[in-house]
Amino acid sequence: MSLIQACVTAATTLLAVLIGGWLTVRTQDRLWRRDQERQWRDIRLNAYTDFIGAVREYVAFILNPAARITVVPRPRDPGDLMPFFDDVGSRYRERLESTKTALRLVAGRPEVVSVSAELVRQARLLAAARADSGVEALQADRFDALWEAERRFIETARADLGLPSAFVS
């Protein structure tokens, strides 16, 4: 075996080791990224699910005939009435606010934050309407606006999670 053959063999072996190492690093990086994406998707799904649950609990409290709700005008835009609850209702408001903040921390798209804010606004408007009257006097358009805001939130959240539309057009 000549010196040239030994050099070619060594260079070929070294090149194969380098290519193999590079491919291994790329594969590991791809797997790590996929795992990170999966973890963030699960985190977002949990945050979105908790938020919807908190909205539903808030609305259920509003619809409770025994709920005591007062309202004051909001000092800033959009100028809506701001509902305040007794000690029992404060728990629902606090849960809604904390899940809204958690959602903002992990949302994958800015649209998720804006549609979640609209859903909270519609829930607050329903609570404000409930403060001035009983449950039976609530107008259907308040509920329509709330459910439309919820539908938009769900659609946006599903798009953020990479899921197909849940609603038939």
C-alpha atoms as a PDB file:
ATOM      1  CA  MET A   1       0.000   0.000   0.000  1.00  0.00           C
ATOM      2  CA  SER A   2       1.466   3.278  -1.037  1.00  0.00           C
ATOM      3  CA  LEU A   3       1.443   6.556   0.830  1.00  0.00           C
ATOM      4  CA  ILE A   4      -1.091   8.038  -1.614  1.00  0.00           C
ATOM      5  CA  GLN A   5      -3.510   5.155  -1.093  1.00  0.00           C
ATOM      6  CA  ALA A   6      -3.169   5.514   2.693  1.00  0.00           C
ATOM      7  CA  CYS A   7      -3.866   9.277   2.474  1.00  0.00           C
ATOM      8  CA  VAL A   8      -6.900   8.745   0.223  1.00  0.00           C
ATOM      9  CA  THR A   9      -8.248   6.065   2.573  1.00  0.00           C
ATOM     10  CA  ALA A  10      -7.695   8.284   5.615  1.00  0.00           C
ATOM     11  CA  ALA A  11      -9.269  11.310   3.915  1.00  0.00           C
ATOM     12  CA  THR A  12     -12.264   9.268   2.788  1.00  0.00           C
ATOM     13  CA  THR A  13     -12.723   7.861   6.288  1.00  0.00           C
ATOM     14  CA  LEU A  14     -12.412  11.320   7.836  1.00  0.00           C
ATOM     15  CA  LEU A  15     -14.906  12.761   5.339  1.00  0.00           C
ATOM     16  CA  ALA A  16     -17.376   9.936   6.079  1.00  0.00           C
ATOM     17  CA  VAL A  17     -17.045  10.558   9.826  1.00  0.00           C
ATOM     18  CA  LEU A  18     -17.607  14.301   9.325  1.00  0.00           C
ATOM     19  CA  ILE A  19     -20.654  13.763   7.102  1.00  0.00           C
ATOM     20  CA  GLY A  20     -22.077  11.193   9.542  1.00  0.00           C
ATOM     21  CA  GLY A  21     -21.553  13.546  12.487  1.00  0.00           C
ATOM     22  CA  TRP A  22     -23.127  16.450  10.614  1.00  0.00           C
ATOM     23  CA  LEU A  23     -26.158  14.321   9.673  1.00  0.00           C
ATOM     24  CA  THR A  24     -26.517  13.155  13.286  1.00  0.00           C
ATOM     25  CA  VAL A  25     -26.413  16.738  14.576  1.00  0.00           C
ATOM     26  CA  ARG A  26     -29.004  17.818  12.005  1.00  0.00           C
ATOM     27  CA  THR A  27     -31.274  14.922  12.884  1.00  0.00           C
ATOM     28  CA  GLN A  28     -30.979  15.628  16.619  1.00  0.00           C
ATOM     29  CA  ASP A  29     -31.660  19.327  16.037  1.00  0.00           C
ATOM     30  CA  ARG A  30     -34.743  18.522  13.958  1.00  0.00           C
ATOM     31  CA  LEU A  31     -36.024  16.141  16.646  1.00  0.00           C
ATOM     32  CA  TRP A  32     -35.384  18.748  19.364  1.00  0.00           C
ATOM     33  CA  ARG A  33     -37.253  21.420  17.400  1.00  0.00           C
ATOM     34  CA  ARG A  34     -40.176  19.083  16.766  1.00  0.00           C
ATOM     35  CA  ASP A  35     -40.304  18.218  20.465  1.00  0.00           C
ATOM     36  CA  GLN A  36     -40.213  21.914  21.398  1.00  0.00           C
ATOM     37  CA  GLU A  37     -43.032  22.679  18.965  1.00  0.00           C
ATOM     38  CA  ARG A  38     -45.098  19.839  20.412  1.00  0.00           C
ATOM     39  CA  GLN A  39     -44.507  21.065  23.972  1.00  0.00           C
ATOM     40  CA  TRP A  40     -45.475  24.639  23.090  1.00  0.00           C
ATOM     41  CA  ARG A  41     -48.564  23.392  21.279  1.00  0.00           C
ATOM     42  CA  ASP A  42     -49.602  21.468  24.414  1.00  0.00           C
ATOM     43  CA  ILE A  43     -48.928  24.519  26.577  1.00  0.00           C
ATOM     44  CA  ARG A  44     -51.037  26.705  24.280  1.00  0.00           C
ATOM     45  CA  LEU A  45     -53.825  24.133  24.128  1.00  0.00           C
ATOM     46  CA  ASN A  46     -53.961  24.016  27.943  1.00  0.00           C
ATOM     47  CA  ALA A  47     -53.963  27.816  28.199  1.00  0.00           C
ATOM     48  CA  TYR A  48     -56.714  28.164  25.583  1.00  0.00           C
ATOM     49  CA  THR A  49     -58.795  25.430  27.223  1.00  0.00           C
ATOM     50  CA  ASP A  50     -58.395  26.989  30.684  1.00  0.00           C
ATOM     51  CA  PHE A  51     -59.390  30.373  29.286  1.00  0.00           C
ATOM     52  CA  ILE A  52     -62.567  29.048  27.651  1.00  0.00           C
ATOM     53  CA  GLY A  53     -63.409  27.224  30.875  1.00  0.00           C
ATOM     54  CA  ALA A  54     -62.950  30.435  32.864  1.00  0.00           C
ATOM     55  CA  VAL A  55     -65.180  32.357  30.440  1.00  0.00           C
ATOM     56  CA  ARG A  56     -67.881  29.705  30.755  1.00  0.00           C
ATOM     57  CA  GLU A  57     -67.667  29.787  34.581  1.00  0.00           C
ATOM     58  CA  TYR A  58     -67.866  33.593  34.521  1.00  0.00           C
ATOM     59  CA  VAL A  59     -70.970  33.494  32.314  1.00  0.00           C
ATOM     60  CA  ALA A  60     -72.547  30.775  34.466  1.00  0.00           C
ATOM     61  CA  PHE A  61     -72.061  32.983  37.522  1.00  0.00           C
ATOM     62  CA  ILE A  62     -73.578  35.957  35.702  1.00  0.00           C
ATOM     63  CA  LEU A  63     -76.653  33.880  34.873  1.00  0.00           C
ATOM     64  CA  ASN A  64     -77.104  32.773  38.475  1.00  0.00           C
ATOM     65  CA  PRO A  65     -80.180  34.640  39.779  1.00  0.00           C
ATOM     66  CA  ALA A  66     -78.523  35.012  43.195  1.00  0.00           C
ATOM     67  CA  ALA A  67     -75.454  36.771  41.758  1.00  0.00           C
ATOM     68  CA  ARG A  68     -74.953  40.321  42.975  1.00  0.00           C
ATOM     69  CA  ILE A  69     -73.393  42.502  40.290  1.00  0.00           C
ATOM     70  CA  THR A  70     -72.809  46.258  40.300  1.00  0.00           C
ATOM     71  CA  VAL A  71     -71.441  48.383  37.487  1.00  0.00           C
ATOM     72  CA  VAL A  72     -69.443  51.586  37.128  1.00  0.00           C
ATOM     73  CA  PRO A  73     -68.458  53.381  33.931  1.00  0.00           C
ATOM     74  CA  ARG A  74     -65.024  52.525  32.667  1.00  0.00           C
ATOM     75  CA  PRO A  75     -62.802  55.607  32.700  1.00  0.00           C
ATOM     76  CA  ARG A  76     -60.988  54.720  29.477  1.00  0.00           C
ATOM     77  CA  ASP A  77     -61.959  53.581  26.010  1.00  0.00           C
ATOM     78  CA  PRO A  78     -64.185  51.928  24.970  1.00  0.00           C
ATOM     79  CA  GLY A  79     -66.242  53.463  27.810  1.00  0.00           C
ATOM     80  CA  ASP A  80     -68.244  50.300  28.559  1.00  0.00           C
ATOM     81  CA  LEU A  81     -69.706  49.654  31.969  1.00  0.00           C
ATOM     82  CA  MET A  82     -67.339  47.670  34.195  1.00  0.00           C
ATOM     83  CA  PRO A  83     -69.030  44.958  36.315  1.00  0.00           C
ATOM     84  CA  PHE A  84     -68.039  44.266  39.910  1.00  0.00           C
ATOM     85  CA  PHE A  85     -69.067  41.213  41.898  1.00  0.00           C
ATOM     86  CA  ASP A  86     -69.529  40.228  45.504  1.00  0.00           C
ATOM     87  CA  ASP A  87     -67.004  37.937  47.223  1.00  0.00           C
ATOM     88  CA  VAL A  88     -68.454  34.841  45.558  1.00  0.00           C
ATOM     89  CA  GLY A  89     -68.273  36.365  42.080  1.00  0.00           C
ATOM     90  CA  SER A  90     -64.807  37.821  42.554  1.00  0.00           C
ATOM     91  CA  ARG A  91     -63.405  34.301  42.335  1.00  0.00           C
ATOM     92  CA  TYR A  92     -64.789  33.937  38.793  1.00  0.00           C
ATOM     93  CA  ARG A  93     -63.536  37.349  37.715  1.00  0.00           C
ATOM     94  CA  GLU A  94     -60.058  36.635  39.104  1.00  0.00           C
ATOM     95  CA  ARG A  95     -59.893  33.259  37.347  1.00  0.00           C
ATOM     96  CA  LEU A  96     -60.944  34.872  34.075  1.00  0.00           C
ATOM     97  CA  GLU A  97     -58.305  37.581  34.425  1.00  0.00           C
ATOM     98  CA  SER A  98     -55.528  35.143  35.363  1.00  0.00           C
ATOM     99  CA  THR A  99     -56.286  32.773  32.489  1.00  0.00           C
ATOM    100  CA  LYS A 100     -56.433  35.738  30.104  1.00  0.00           C
ATOM    101  CA  THR A 101     -52.951  36.787  31.263  1.00  0.00           C
ATOM    102  CA  ALA A 102     -51.614  33.223  30.952  1.00  0.00           C
ATOM    103  CA  LEU A 103     -53.035  33.050  27.434  1.00  0.00           C
ATOM    104  CA  ARG A 104     -51.235  36.279  26.512  1.00  0.00           C
ATOM    105  CA  LEU A 105     -47.960  34.814  27.739  1.00  0.00           C
ATOM    106  CA  VAL A 106     -48.093  31.754  25.496  1.00  0.00           C
ATOM    107  CA  ALA A 107     -50.233  32.781  22.500  1.00  0.00           C
ATOM    108  CA  GLY A 108     -48.593  31.899  19.226  1.00  0.00           C
ATOM    109  CA  ARG A 109     -50.286  34.665  17.220  1.00  0.00           C
ATOM    110  CA  PRO A 110     -51.322  38.230  18.040  1.00  0.00           C
ATOM    111  CA  GLU A 111     -54.808  37.483  16.680  1.00  0.00           C
ATOM    112  CA  VAL A 112     -55.381  35.057  19.570  1.00  0.00           C
ATOM    113  CA  VAL A 113     -54.799  37.867  22.051  1.00  0.00           C
ATOM    114  CA  SER A 114     -57.138  40.278  20.257  1.00  0.00           C
ATOM    115  CA  VAL A 115     -60.014  37.789  19.912  1.00  0.00           C
ATOM    116  CA  SER A 116     -59.603  36.714  23.535  1.00  0.00           C
ATOM    117  CA  ALA A 117     -59.842  40.371  24.587  1.00  0.00           C
ATOM    118  CA  GLU A 118     -63.058  40.702  22.580  1.00  0.00           C
ATOM    119  CA  LEU A 119     -64.488  37.587  24.232  1.00  0.00           C
ATOM    120  CA  VAL A 120     -63.706  39.024  27.687  1.00  0.00           C
ATOM    121  CA  ARG A 121     -65.277  42.333  26.651  1.00  0.00           C
ATOM    122  CA  GLN A 122     -68.466  40.605  25.528  1.00  0.00           C
ATOM    123  CA  ALA A 123     -68.631  38.631  28.796  1.00  0.00           C
ATOM    124  CA  ARG A 124     -68.203  41.866  30.765  1.00  0.00           C
ATOM    125  CA  LEU A 125     -70.934  43.549  28.712  1.00  0.00           C
ATOM    126  CA  LEU A 126     -73.246  40.644  29.510  1.00  0.00           C
ATOM    127  CA  ALA A 127     -72.420  41.024  33.210  1.00  0.00           C
ATOM    128  CA  ALA A 128     -73.059  44.776  33.015  1.00  0.00           C
ATOM    129  CA  ALA A 129     -76.430  44.156  31.341  1.00  0.00           C
ATOM    130  CA  ARG A 130     -77.257  41.603  34.031  1.00  0.00           C
ATOM    131  CA  ALA A 131     -76.472  44.126  36.785  1.00  0.00           C
ATOM    132  CA  ASP A 132     -79.251  46.442  35.645  1.00  0.00           C
ATOM    133  CA  SER A 133     -81.837  43.694  35.323  1.00  0.00           C
ATOM    134  CA  GLY A 134     -82.634  40.110  36.126  1.00  0.00           C
ATOM    135  CA  VAL A 135     -81.468  37.131  34.122  1.00  0.00           C
ATOM    136  CA  GLU A 136     -84.812  36.881  32.316  1.00  0.00           C
ATOM    137  CA  ALA A 137     -84.495  40.443  30.995  1.00  0.00           C
ATOM    138  CA  LEU A 138     -81.171  39.899  29.223  1.00  0.00           C
ATOM    139  CA  GLN A 139     -81.478  40.564  25.515  1.00  0.00           C
ATOM    140  CA  ALA A 140     -80.703  37.869  22.986  1.00  0.00           C
ATOM    141  CA  ASP A 141     -78.281  40.126  21.086  1.00  0.00           C
ATOM    142  CA  ARG A 142     -75.980  40.157  24.157  1.00  0.00           C
ATOM    143  CA  PHE A 143     -75.803  36.365  24.014  1.00  0.00           C
ATOM    144  CA  ASP A 144     -75.398  36.370  20.239  1.00  0.00           C
ATOM    145  CA  ALA A 145     -72.422  38.733  20.499  1.00  0.00           C
ATOM    146  CA  LEU A 146     -70.881  36.619  23.271  1.00  0.00           C
ATOM    147  CA  TRP A 147     -71.228  33.332  21.373  1.00  0.00           C
ATOM    148  CA  GLU A 148     -69.936  34.927  18.169  1.00  0.00           C
ATOM    149  CA  ALA A 149     -66.863  36.181  20.061  1.00  0.00           C
ATOM    150  CA  GLU A 150     -66.372  32.693  21.489  1.00  0.00           C
ATOM    151  CA  ARG A 151     -66.647  31.137  18.020  1.00  0.00           C
ATOM    152  CA  ARG A 152     -64.032  33.574  16.666  1.00  0.00           C
ATOM    153  CA  PHE A 153     -61.727  32.784  19.577  1.00  0.00           C
ATOM    154  CA  ILE A 154     -62.051  29.038  18.999  1.00  0.00           C
ATOM    155  CA  GLU A 155     -61.414  29.418  15.261  1.00  0.00           C
ATOM    156  CA  THR A 156     -58.333  31.583  15.857  1.00  0.00           C
ATOM    157  CA  ALA A 157     -56.989  29.294  18.578  1.00  0.00           C
ATOM    158  CA  ARG A 158     -57.463  26.224  16.369  1.00  0.00           C
ATOM    159  CA  ALA A 159     -55.613  27.954  13.523  1.00  0.00           C
ATOM    160  CA  ASP A 160     -52.807  28.826  15.940  1.00  0.00           C
ATOM    161  CA  LEU A 161     -52.598  25.171  16.968  1.00  0.00           C
ATOM    162  CA  GLY A 162     -52.554  24.030  13.344  1.00  0.00           C
ATOM    163  CA  LEU A 163     -55.981  22.384  13.517  1.00  0.00           C
ATOM    164  CA  PRO A 164     -58.646  22.575  10.827  1.00  0.00           C
ATOM    165  CA  SER A 165     -61.756  24.700  11.236  1.00  0.00           C
ATOM    166  CA  ALA A 166     -64.301  23.361  13.703  1.00  0.00           C
ATOM    167  CA  PHE A 167     -67.232  25.130  12.118  1.00  0.00           C
ATOM    168  CA  VAL A 168     -69.011  24.506   8.847  1.00  0.00           C
ATOM    169  CA  SER A 169     -69.227  27.659   6.738  1.00  0.00           C
END
